[in-house]
Each structure stands twice: as structure tokens, then as C-alpha cells.
Amino acid sequence: MNLLSVVYRWHHRDALPISEIERRTGLSRNTIRKYLRADTIEPIFSASERPSKLVPRKQRRTGKLALT
């Protein structure tokens, strides 16, 4: 289960105070408050669309194997 949904459920359904959620999760009080004030439960971020750093090495390695 997603941490954001757990924090939301503990606070709203189980009526746990922010200080108890802080102890259980290890998150900062400010972070928990930010999660609870957010309109959405899931984080919104874009995935990086850059190529892997291993692609050039993999190509060189397969080229060397083909030569031998």
C-alpha cells in the first residue's frame, strides 16, 4: 500500500494525531501535514525519459564479443 494513502487513512479513519503518524513512519511533521493538505493521494511527478547510462557500454561489450 502506498505510504501517502496509509498516512491519509491513519489520520482520517483511525483519528491518529500527526505526532503518532510521525513516530510510526519516521517522516517529518511538516511532510505529513503536506500530504494531508494535498488534493490528491497519489504523488504527481513525471518519469524521466533519458536513456540508460549502460547502453553505450552494452553496445561495446556485444561488439567485442562478436569479434572474438
N, C-alpha and C. Protein backbone atom coordinates (compact mmCIF):
# COMPACT_ATOMS: atom_id res chain seq x y z
N MET A 1 0.85 -1.17 0.00
CA MET A 1 0.00 0.00 0.00
C MET A 1 0.89 1.24 0.00
N ASN A 2 0.45 2.26 -0.67
CA ASN A 2 1.21 3.49 -0.81
C ASN A 2 1.28 4.23 0.54
N LEU A 3 2.44 4.80 0.83
CA LEU A 3 2.64 5.49 2.10
C LEU A 3 1.69 6.67 2.26
N LEU A 4 1.43 7.39 1.16
CA LEU A 4 0.53 8.53 1.24
C LEU A 4 -0.88 8.10 1.64
N SER A 5 -1.35 7.01 1.09
CA SER A 5 -2.69 6.55 1.44
C SER A 5 -2.75 6.03 2.87
N VAL A 6 -1.65 5.44 3.34
CA VAL A 6 -1.60 4.97 4.73
C VAL A 6 -1.67 6.15 5.69
N VAL A 7 -0.92 7.20 5.40
CA VAL A 7 -0.93 8.41 6.25
C VAL A 7 -2.33 9.01 6.26
N TYR A 8 -2.93 9.10 5.09
CA TYR A 8 -4.28 9.67 4.99
C TYR A 8 -5.29 8.84 5.78
N ARG A 9 -5.20 7.52 5.65
CA ARG A 9 -6.13 6.63 6.35
C ARG A 9 -5.94 6.71 7.86
N TRP A 10 -4.68 6.69 8.32
CA TRP A 10 -4.43 6.77 9.76
C TRP A 10 -5.00 8.04 10.35
N HIS A 11 -4.84 9.14 9.63
CA HIS A 11 -5.29 10.42 10.19
C HIS A 11 -6.81 10.56 10.13
N HIS A 12 -7.42 10.22 9.00
CA HIS A 12 -8.85 10.47 8.84
C HIS A 12 -9.73 9.33 9.35
N ARG A 13 -9.35 8.10 9.10
CA ARG A 13 -10.20 6.99 9.52
C ARG A 13 -9.90 6.55 10.94
N ASP A 14 -8.61 6.42 11.26
CA ASP A 14 -8.23 5.94 12.59
C ASP A 14 -8.04 7.07 13.60
N ALA A 15 -8.14 8.31 13.15
CA ALA A 15 -8.04 9.51 14.00
C ALA A 15 -6.73 9.57 14.79
N LEU A 16 -5.64 9.17 14.14
CA LEU A 16 -4.33 9.29 14.79
C LEU A 16 -3.82 10.72 14.66
N PRO A 17 -3.22 11.26 15.70
CA PRO A 17 -2.62 12.59 15.59
C PRO A 17 -1.37 12.55 14.72
N ILE A 18 -0.98 13.69 14.22
CA ILE A 18 0.18 13.80 13.35
C ILE A 18 1.44 13.33 14.07
N SER A 19 1.54 13.60 15.36
CA SER A 19 2.73 13.18 16.11
C SER A 19 2.87 11.65 16.14
N GLU A 20 1.76 10.93 16.24
CA GLU A 20 1.82 9.47 16.23
C GLU A 20 2.18 8.94 14.85
N ILE A 21 1.64 9.56 13.81
CA ILE A 21 1.99 9.17 12.45
C ILE A 21 3.47 9.43 12.20
N GLU A 22 3.97 10.53 12.75
CA GLU A 22 5.39 10.87 12.64
C GLU A 22 6.25 9.77 13.27
N ARG A 23 5.86 9.29 14.43
CA ARG A 23 6.61 8.22 15.11
C ARG A 23 6.58 6.92 14.32
N ARG A 24 5.43 6.60 13.78
CA ARG A 24 5.28 5.33 13.07
C ARG A 24 6.01 5.30 11.73
N THR A 25 6.02 6.42 11.02
CA THR A 25 6.60 6.44 9.68
C THR A 25 8.03 6.96 9.64
N GLY A 26 8.40 7.80 10.59
CA GLY A 26 9.72 8.42 10.55
C GLY A 26 9.76 9.65 9.65
N LEU A 27 8.60 10.07 9.15
CA LEU A 27 8.52 11.26 8.31
C LEU A 27 8.46 12.51 9.18
N SER A 28 8.83 13.62 8.61
CA SER A 28 8.75 14.90 9.30
C SER A 28 7.28 15.30 9.48
N ARG A 29 7.01 16.03 10.54
CA ARG A 29 5.66 16.52 10.80
C ARG A 29 5.18 17.40 9.65
N ASN A 30 6.09 18.21 9.12
CA ASN A 30 5.72 19.09 8.01
C ASN A 30 5.38 18.29 6.75
N THR A 31 6.10 17.21 6.52
CA THR A 31 5.82 16.36 5.36
C THR A 31 4.45 15.71 5.50
N ILE A 32 4.13 15.24 6.68
CA ILE A 32 2.83 14.61 6.92
C ILE A 32 1.71 15.63 6.72
N ARG A 33 1.90 16.83 7.21
CA ARG A 33 0.89 17.88 7.03
C ARG A 33 0.71 18.21 5.56
N LYS A 34 1.82 18.23 4.81
CA LYS A 34 1.75 18.49 3.37
C LYS A 34 0.95 17.40 2.67
N TYR A 35 1.17 16.13 3.04
CA TYR A 35 0.42 15.02 2.46
C TYR A 35 -1.07 15.16 2.77
N LEU A 36 -1.40 15.53 3.99
CA LEU A 36 -2.80 15.62 4.39
C LEU A 36 -3.51 16.81 3.74
N ARG A 37 -2.79 17.86 3.44
CA ARG A 37 -3.39 19.04 2.80
C ARG A 37 -3.53 18.89 1.30
N ALA A 38 -2.85 17.94 0.71
CA ALA A 38 -2.86 17.77 -0.75
C ALA A 38 -4.24 17.35 -1.23
N ASP A 39 -4.57 17.75 -2.45
CA ASP A 39 -5.86 17.39 -3.03
C ASP A 39 -5.89 15.94 -3.48
N THR A 40 -4.74 15.42 -3.88
CA THR A 40 -4.68 14.03 -4.35
C THR A 40 -3.92 13.18 -3.35
N ILE A 41 -4.17 11.89 -3.40
CA ILE A 41 -3.47 10.97 -2.51
C ILE A 41 -2.18 10.49 -3.16
N GLU A 42 -2.19 10.32 -4.47
CA GLU A 42 -1.01 9.83 -5.18
C GLU A 42 -0.09 10.99 -5.55
N PRO A 43 1.23 10.78 -5.49
CA PRO A 43 2.15 11.83 -5.89
C PRO A 43 2.09 12.06 -7.40
N ILE A 44 2.28 13.29 -7.80
CA ILE A 44 2.26 13.63 -9.22
C ILE A 44 3.66 14.04 -9.61
N PHE A 45 4.29 13.22 -10.43
CA PHE A 45 5.62 13.54 -10.94
C PHE A 45 5.78 12.87 -12.29
N SER A 46 6.64 13.41 -13.10
CA SER A 46 6.84 12.83 -14.41
C SER A 46 8.07 11.93 -14.40
N ALA A 47 7.96 10.86 -15.11
CA ALA A 47 9.07 9.91 -15.20
C ALA A 47 10.13 10.47 -16.14
N SER A 48 11.36 10.21 -15.83
CA SER A 48 12.45 10.68 -16.66
C SER A 48 12.51 9.89 -17.96
N GLU A 49 12.71 10.56 -19.05
CA GLU A 49 12.75 9.91 -20.36
C GLU A 49 14.16 9.93 -20.94
N ARG A 50 15.16 9.79 -20.13
CA ARG A 50 16.53 9.78 -20.63
C ARG A 50 17.01 8.34 -20.79
N PRO A 51 17.94 8.14 -21.70
CA PRO A 51 18.43 6.77 -21.92
C PRO A 51 19.32 6.31 -20.76
N SER A 52 19.45 5.03 -20.66
CA SER A 52 20.28 4.44 -19.62
C SER A 52 21.75 4.73 -19.88
N LYS A 53 22.53 4.87 -18.82
CA LYS A 53 23.96 5.08 -18.96
C LYS A 53 24.68 3.81 -19.41
N LEU A 54 24.02 2.68 -19.29
CA LEU A 54 24.65 1.41 -19.62
C LEU A 54 24.53 1.04 -21.10
N VAL A 55 23.72 1.75 -21.85
CA VAL A 55 23.51 1.40 -23.26
C VAL A 55 24.82 1.45 -24.06
N PRO A 56 25.63 2.52 -23.99
CA PRO A 56 26.88 2.52 -24.77
C PRO A 56 27.83 1.39 -24.36
N ARG A 57 27.92 1.10 -23.10
CA ARG A 57 28.80 0.02 -22.64
C ARG A 57 28.30 -1.33 -23.13
N LYS A 58 27.00 -1.50 -23.10
CA LYS A 58 26.43 -2.77 -23.56
C LYS A 58 26.70 -2.97 -25.05
N GLN A 59 26.61 -1.89 -25.82
CA GLN A 59 26.88 -1.98 -27.25
C GLN A 59 28.34 -2.32 -27.51
N ARG A 60 29.26 -1.69 -26.75
CA ARG A 60 30.68 -2.00 -26.92
C ARG A 60 30.97 -3.44 -26.54
N ARG A 61 30.36 -3.90 -25.46
CA ARG A 61 30.61 -5.26 -24.99
C ARG A 61 30.11 -6.29 -26.00
N THR A 62 28.93 -6.07 -26.56
CA THR A 62 28.42 -7.02 -27.55
C THR A 62 29.24 -6.97 -28.82
N GLY A 63 29.78 -5.81 -29.16
CA GLY A 63 30.66 -5.70 -30.33
C GLY A 63 31.95 -6.46 -30.14
N LYS A 64 32.54 -6.39 -28.95
CA LYS A 64 33.77 -7.12 -28.66
C LYS A 64 33.53 -8.62 -28.65
N LEU A 65 32.39 -9.05 -28.17
CA LEU A 65 32.08 -10.47 -28.15
C LEU A 65 31.89 -11.01 -29.56
N ALA A 66 31.35 -10.19 -30.45
CA ALA A 66 31.12 -10.62 -31.82
C ALA A 66 32.45 -10.78 -32.57
N LEU A 67 33.47 -9.99 -32.21
CA LEU A 67 34.77 -10.05 -32.87
C LEU A 67 35.57 -11.28 -32.46
N THR A 68 35.35 -11.79 -31.28
CA THR A 68 36.15 -12.93 -30.81
C THR A 68 35.56 -14.25 -31.16
